[in-house]
């Protein structure tokens, strides 16, 4: 997200690491893995609703993860998704699932624009007009 304050741009960068369920069970336990799977399921629902285009309601509030990623998923931002996959045959199912997820997320179309205060835009326009008037007078 990029904001302008007095001709100075500021940007916010969000990074999220989403761990697959198998690895998560080994590292954090079954209860935490269930919560992560619910968040991933909610994220999948949001992605599907955004890609589908027919939904009038996007379920961002179904999990903390989707709420955090709301601006990145369907908002006014440029978004990059990096899918980490494994060439090992024992990770085939998880790799395939990750690639399907990434493929659906790739279909989301955001139209980012610069967030600028209308007053600042008007002031810039006036300054340009004054400069042009001074050039014509000289």
C-alpha atoms as a PDB file:
ATOM      1  CA  UNK A   1       0.000   0.000   0.000  1.00  0.00           C
ATOM      2  CA  UNK A   2       1.503   3.335  -1.000  1.00  0.00           C
ATOM      3  CA  UNK A   3       0.530   6.636   0.602  1.00  0.00           C
ATOM      4  CA  UNK A   4       1.667  10.133  -0.307  1.00  0.00           C
ATOM      5  CA  UNK A   5       2.250  12.847   2.300  1.00  0.00           C
ATOM      6  CA  UNK A   6       3.536  16.189   0.956  1.00  0.00           C
ATOM      7  CA  UNK A   7       5.179  14.598  -2.116  1.00  0.00           C
ATOM      8  CA  UNK A   8       6.711  11.806  -0.026  1.00  0.00           C
ATOM      9  CA  UNK A   9       5.639   8.238  -0.758  1.00  0.00           C
ATOM     10  CA  UNK A  10       5.355   5.690   2.018  1.00  0.00           C
ATOM     11  CA  UNK A  11       4.804   2.006   1.440  1.00  0.00           C
ATOM     12  CA  UNK A  12       3.617  -0.847   3.628  1.00  0.00           C
ATOM     13  CA  UNK A  13       4.839  -4.375   2.958  1.00  0.00           C
ATOM     14  CA  UNK A  14       3.059  -7.406   4.385  1.00  0.00           C
ATOM     15  CA  UNK A  15       4.639 -10.861   4.403  1.00  0.00           C
ATOM     16  CA  UNK A  16       2.865 -14.016   5.445  1.00  0.00           C
ATOM     17  CA  UNK A  17       4.277 -17.504   5.625  1.00  0.00           C
ATOM     18  CA  UNK A  18       1.646 -20.177   5.336  1.00  0.00           C
ATOM     19  CA  UNK A  19       2.842 -23.604   6.441  1.00  0.00           C
ATOM     20  CA  UNK A  20       1.333 -26.825   5.135  1.00  0.00           C
ATOM     21  CA  UNK A  21      -0.660 -28.983   7.527  1.00  0.00           C
ATOM     22  CA  UNK A  22       1.693 -31.994   7.609  1.00  0.00           C
ATOM     23  CA  UNK A  23       4.705 -29.961   8.693  1.00  0.00           C
ATOM     24  CA  UNK A  24       2.582 -27.973  11.105  1.00  0.00           C
ATOM     25  CA  UNK A  25       1.353 -31.071  12.950  1.00  0.00           C
ATOM     26  CA  UNK A  26       4.940 -32.164  13.492  1.00  0.00           C
ATOM     27  CA  UNK A  27       6.052 -28.764  14.806  1.00  0.00           C
ATOM     28  CA  UNK A  28       3.089 -27.396  16.757  1.00  0.00           C
ATOM     29  CA  UNK A  29       0.650 -30.171  17.505  1.00  0.00           C
ATOM     30  CA  UNK A  30      -2.770 -31.231  16.325  1.00  0.00           C
ATOM     31  CA  UNK A  31      -4.811 -28.422  17.900  1.00  0.00           C
ATOM     32  CA  UNK A  32      -2.742 -25.686  16.259  1.00  0.00           C
ATOM     33  CA  UNK A  33      -2.755 -27.592  12.955  1.00  0.00           C
ATOM     34  CA  UNK A  34      -6.562 -27.641  13.009  1.00  0.00           C
ATOM     35  CA  UNK A  35      -6.641 -23.848  13.483  1.00  0.00           C
ATOM     36  CA  UNK A  36      -4.200 -23.371  10.610  1.00  0.00           C
ATOM     37  CA  UNK A  37      -6.256 -25.666   8.377  1.00  0.00           C
ATOM     38  CA  UNK A  38      -9.384 -23.640   9.190  1.00  0.00           C
ATOM     39  CA  UNK A  39      -7.536 -20.439   8.246  1.00  0.00           C
ATOM     40  CA  UNK A  40      -6.280 -22.003   5.021  1.00  0.00           C
ATOM     41  CA  UNK A  41      -9.802 -23.174   4.232  1.00  0.00           C
ATOM     42  CA  UNK A  42     -11.134 -19.646   4.835  1.00  0.00           C
ATOM     43  CA  UNK A  43      -8.356 -18.268   2.613  1.00  0.00           C
ATOM     44  CA  UNK A  44      -9.376 -20.723  -0.099  1.00  0.00           C
ATOM     45  CA  UNK A  45     -12.988 -19.550   0.198  1.00  0.00           C
ATOM     46  CA  UNK A  46     -11.936 -15.897  -0.149  1.00  0.00           C
ATOM     47  CA  UNK A  47      -9.763 -16.689  -3.173  1.00  0.00           C
ATOM     48  CA  UNK A  48     -12.621 -18.631  -4.772  1.00  0.00           C
ATOM     49  CA  UNK A  49     -15.079 -15.798  -4.145  1.00  0.00           C
ATOM     50  CA  UNK A  50     -12.694 -13.228  -5.629  1.00  0.00           C
ATOM     51  CA  UNK A  51     -11.895 -15.340  -8.697  1.00  0.00           C
ATOM     52  CA  UNK A  52     -15.501 -16.384  -9.249  1.00  0.00           C
ATOM     53  CA  UNK A  53     -16.743 -12.808  -9.479  1.00  0.00           C
ATOM     54  CA  UNK A  54     -20.349 -13.886  -8.938  1.00  0.00           C
ATOM     55  CA  UNK A  55     -20.236 -13.553  -5.163  1.00  0.00           C
ATOM     56  CA  UNK A  56     -21.585 -10.331  -3.733  1.00  0.00           C
ATOM     57  CA  UNK A  57     -19.991 -11.169  -0.364  1.00  0.00           C
ATOM     58  CA  UNK A  58     -16.297 -11.909   0.164  1.00  0.00           C
ATOM     59  CA  UNK A  59     -15.835 -13.759   3.507  1.00  0.00           C
ATOM     60  CA  UNK A  60     -12.786 -11.850   4.793  1.00  0.00           C
ATOM     61  CA  UNK A  61     -13.979 -11.992   8.407  1.00  0.00           C
ATOM     62  CA  UNK A  62     -14.010 -15.781   8.594  1.00  0.00           C
ATOM     63  CA  UNK A  63     -10.440 -15.921   9.945  1.00  0.00           C
ATOM     64  CA  UNK A  64      -7.678 -13.686  11.224  1.00  0.00           C
ATOM     65  CA  UNK A  65      -5.517 -14.664   8.259  1.00  0.00           C
ATOM     66  CA  UNK A  66      -8.026 -13.514   5.653  1.00  0.00           C
ATOM     67  CA  UNK A  67      -8.676 -10.335   7.621  1.00  0.00           C
ATOM     68  CA  UNK A  68      -4.934  -9.569   7.640  1.00  0.00           C
ATOM     69  CA  UNK A  69      -4.622 -10.305   3.922  1.00  0.00           C
ATOM     70  CA  UNK A  70      -7.784  -8.418   2.919  1.00  0.00           C
ATOM     71  CA  UNK A  71      -5.948  -5.478   1.314  1.00  0.00           C
ATOM     72  CA  UNK A  72      -3.516  -7.794  -0.445  1.00  0.00           C
ATOM     73  CA  UNK A  73      -6.143 -10.167  -1.821  1.00  0.00           C
ATOM     74  CA  UNK A  74      -8.831  -7.930  -3.210  1.00  0.00           C
ATOM     75  CA  UNK A  75      -7.730  -4.460  -2.348  1.00  0.00           C
ATOM     76  CA  UNK A  76      -5.706  -1.630  -3.734  1.00  0.00           C
ATOM     77  CA  UNK A  77      -2.305  -3.340  -3.773  1.00  0.00           C
ATOM     78  CA  UNK A  78       0.140  -5.220  -5.915  1.00  0.00           C
ATOM     79  CA  UNK A  79       0.453  -8.742  -4.552  1.00  0.00           C
ATOM     80  CA  UNK A  80       3.044 -11.447  -5.112  1.00  0.00           C
ATOM     81  CA  UNK A  81       2.609 -15.050  -4.037  1.00  0.00           C
ATOM     82  CA  UNK A  82       5.605 -17.353  -3.792  1.00  0.00           C
ATOM     83  CA  UNK A  83       4.721 -21.042  -3.665  1.00  0.00           C
ATOM     84  CA  UNK A  84       7.420 -23.247  -2.172  1.00  0.00           C
ATOM     85  CA  UNK A  85       7.162 -26.784  -3.513  1.00  0.00           C
ATOM     86  CA  UNK A  86       9.232 -29.936  -3.199  1.00  0.00           C
ATOM     87  CA  UNK A  87      10.452 -32.230  -5.977  1.00  0.00           C
ATOM     88  CA  UNK A  88      10.361 -35.228  -3.608  1.00  0.00           C
ATOM     89  CA  UNK A  89       7.813 -37.905  -4.474  1.00  0.00           C
ATOM     90  CA  UNK A  90       6.640 -38.217  -0.858  1.00  0.00           C
ATOM     91  CA  UNK A  91       5.544 -34.530  -0.996  1.00  0.00           C
ATOM     92  CA  UNK A  92       3.553 -34.996  -4.196  1.00  0.00           C
ATOM     93  CA  UNK A  93       0.099 -34.400  -2.662  1.00  0.00           C
ATOM     94  CA  UNK A  94       1.181 -31.331  -0.716  1.00  0.00           C
ATOM     95  CA  UNK A  95       3.033 -29.899  -3.745  1.00  0.00           C
ATOM     96  CA  UNK A  96       0.002 -30.447  -5.975  1.00  0.00           C
ATOM     97  CA  UNK A  97      -2.267 -28.782  -3.417  1.00  0.00           C
ATOM     98  CA  UNK A  98       0.105 -25.799  -3.146  1.00  0.00           C
ATOM     99  CA  UNK A  99       0.256 -25.401  -6.919  1.00  0.00           C
ATOM    100  CA  UNK A 100      -3.558 -25.508  -7.197  1.00  0.00           C
ATOM    101  CA  UNK A 101      -3.792 -22.879  -4.459  1.00  0.00           C
ATOM    102  CA  UNK A 102      -1.259 -20.650  -6.214  1.00  0.00           C
ATOM    103  CA  UNK A 103      -2.995 -21.136  -9.552  1.00  0.00           C
ATOM    104  CA  UNK A 104      -6.321 -19.958  -8.119  1.00  0.00           C
ATOM    105  CA  UNK A 105      -4.670 -17.007  -6.344  1.00  0.00           C
ATOM    106  CA  UNK A 106      -3.007 -16.006  -9.610  1.00  0.00           C
ATOM    107  CA  UNK A 107      -6.447 -15.419 -11.144  1.00  0.00           C
ATOM    108  CA  UNK A 108      -7.265 -12.603  -8.690  1.00  0.00           C
ATOM    109  CA  UNK A 109      -7.156  -9.277 -10.536  1.00  0.00           C
ATOM    110  CA  UNK A 110      -6.378  -6.195  -8.431  1.00  0.00           C
ATOM    111  CA  UNK A 111      -6.307  -2.700  -9.859  1.00  0.00           C
ATOM    112  CA  UNK A 112      -3.898  -0.794  -7.617  1.00  0.00           C
ATOM    113  CA  UNK A 113      -3.786   2.986  -7.663  1.00  0.00           C
ATOM    114  CA  UNK A 114      -1.883   5.582  -5.672  1.00  0.00           C
ATOM    115  CA  UNK A 115      -3.694   6.656  -2.523  1.00  0.00           C
ATOM    116  CA  UNK A 116      -3.435  10.421  -2.579  1.00  0.00           C
ATOM    117  CA  UNK A 117      -5.347  12.977  -0.562  1.00  0.00           C
ATOM    118  CA  UNK A 118      -7.655  14.953  -2.905  1.00  0.00           C
ATOM    119  CA  UNK A 119      -6.553  18.192  -1.234  1.00  0.00           C
ATOM    120  CA  UNK A 120      -2.903  17.443  -2.035  1.00  0.00           C
ATOM    121  CA  UNK A 121      -3.843  16.683  -5.641  1.00  0.00           C
ATOM    122  CA  UNK A 122      -5.681  19.985  -5.906  1.00  0.00           C
ATOM    123  CA  UNK A 123      -2.745  21.871  -4.365  1.00  0.00           C
ATOM    124  CA  UNK A 124      -0.354  20.283  -6.892  1.00  0.00           C
ATOM    125  CA  UNK A 125      -2.676  21.293  -9.718  1.00  0.00           C
ATOM    126  CA  UNK A 126      -2.794  24.900  -8.443  1.00  0.00           C
ATOM    127  CA  UNK A 127       0.992  25.019  -8.087  1.00  0.00           C
ATOM    128  CA  UNK A 128       1.400  23.827 -11.684  1.00  0.00           C
ATOM    129  CA  UNK A 129      -1.075  26.456 -12.912  1.00  0.00           C
ATOM    130  CA  UNK A 130       0.799  29.179 -11.010  1.00  0.00           C
ATOM    131  CA  UNK A 131       4.118  28.036 -12.477  1.00  0.00           C
ATOM    132  CA  UNK A 132       2.638  28.064 -15.997  1.00  0.00           C
ATOM    133  CA  UNK A 133       1.175  31.552 -15.411  1.00  0.00           C
ATOM    134  CA  UNK A 134       4.572  32.828 -14.209  1.00  0.00           C
ATOM    135  CA  UNK A 135       6.243  31.387 -17.309  1.00  0.00           C
ATOM    136  CA  UNK A 136       3.694  33.086 -19.602  1.00  0.00           C
ATOM    137  CA  UNK A 137       4.044  36.421 -17.781  1.00  0.00           C
ATOM    138  CA  UNK A 138       7.846  36.400 -18.110  1.00  0.00           C
END
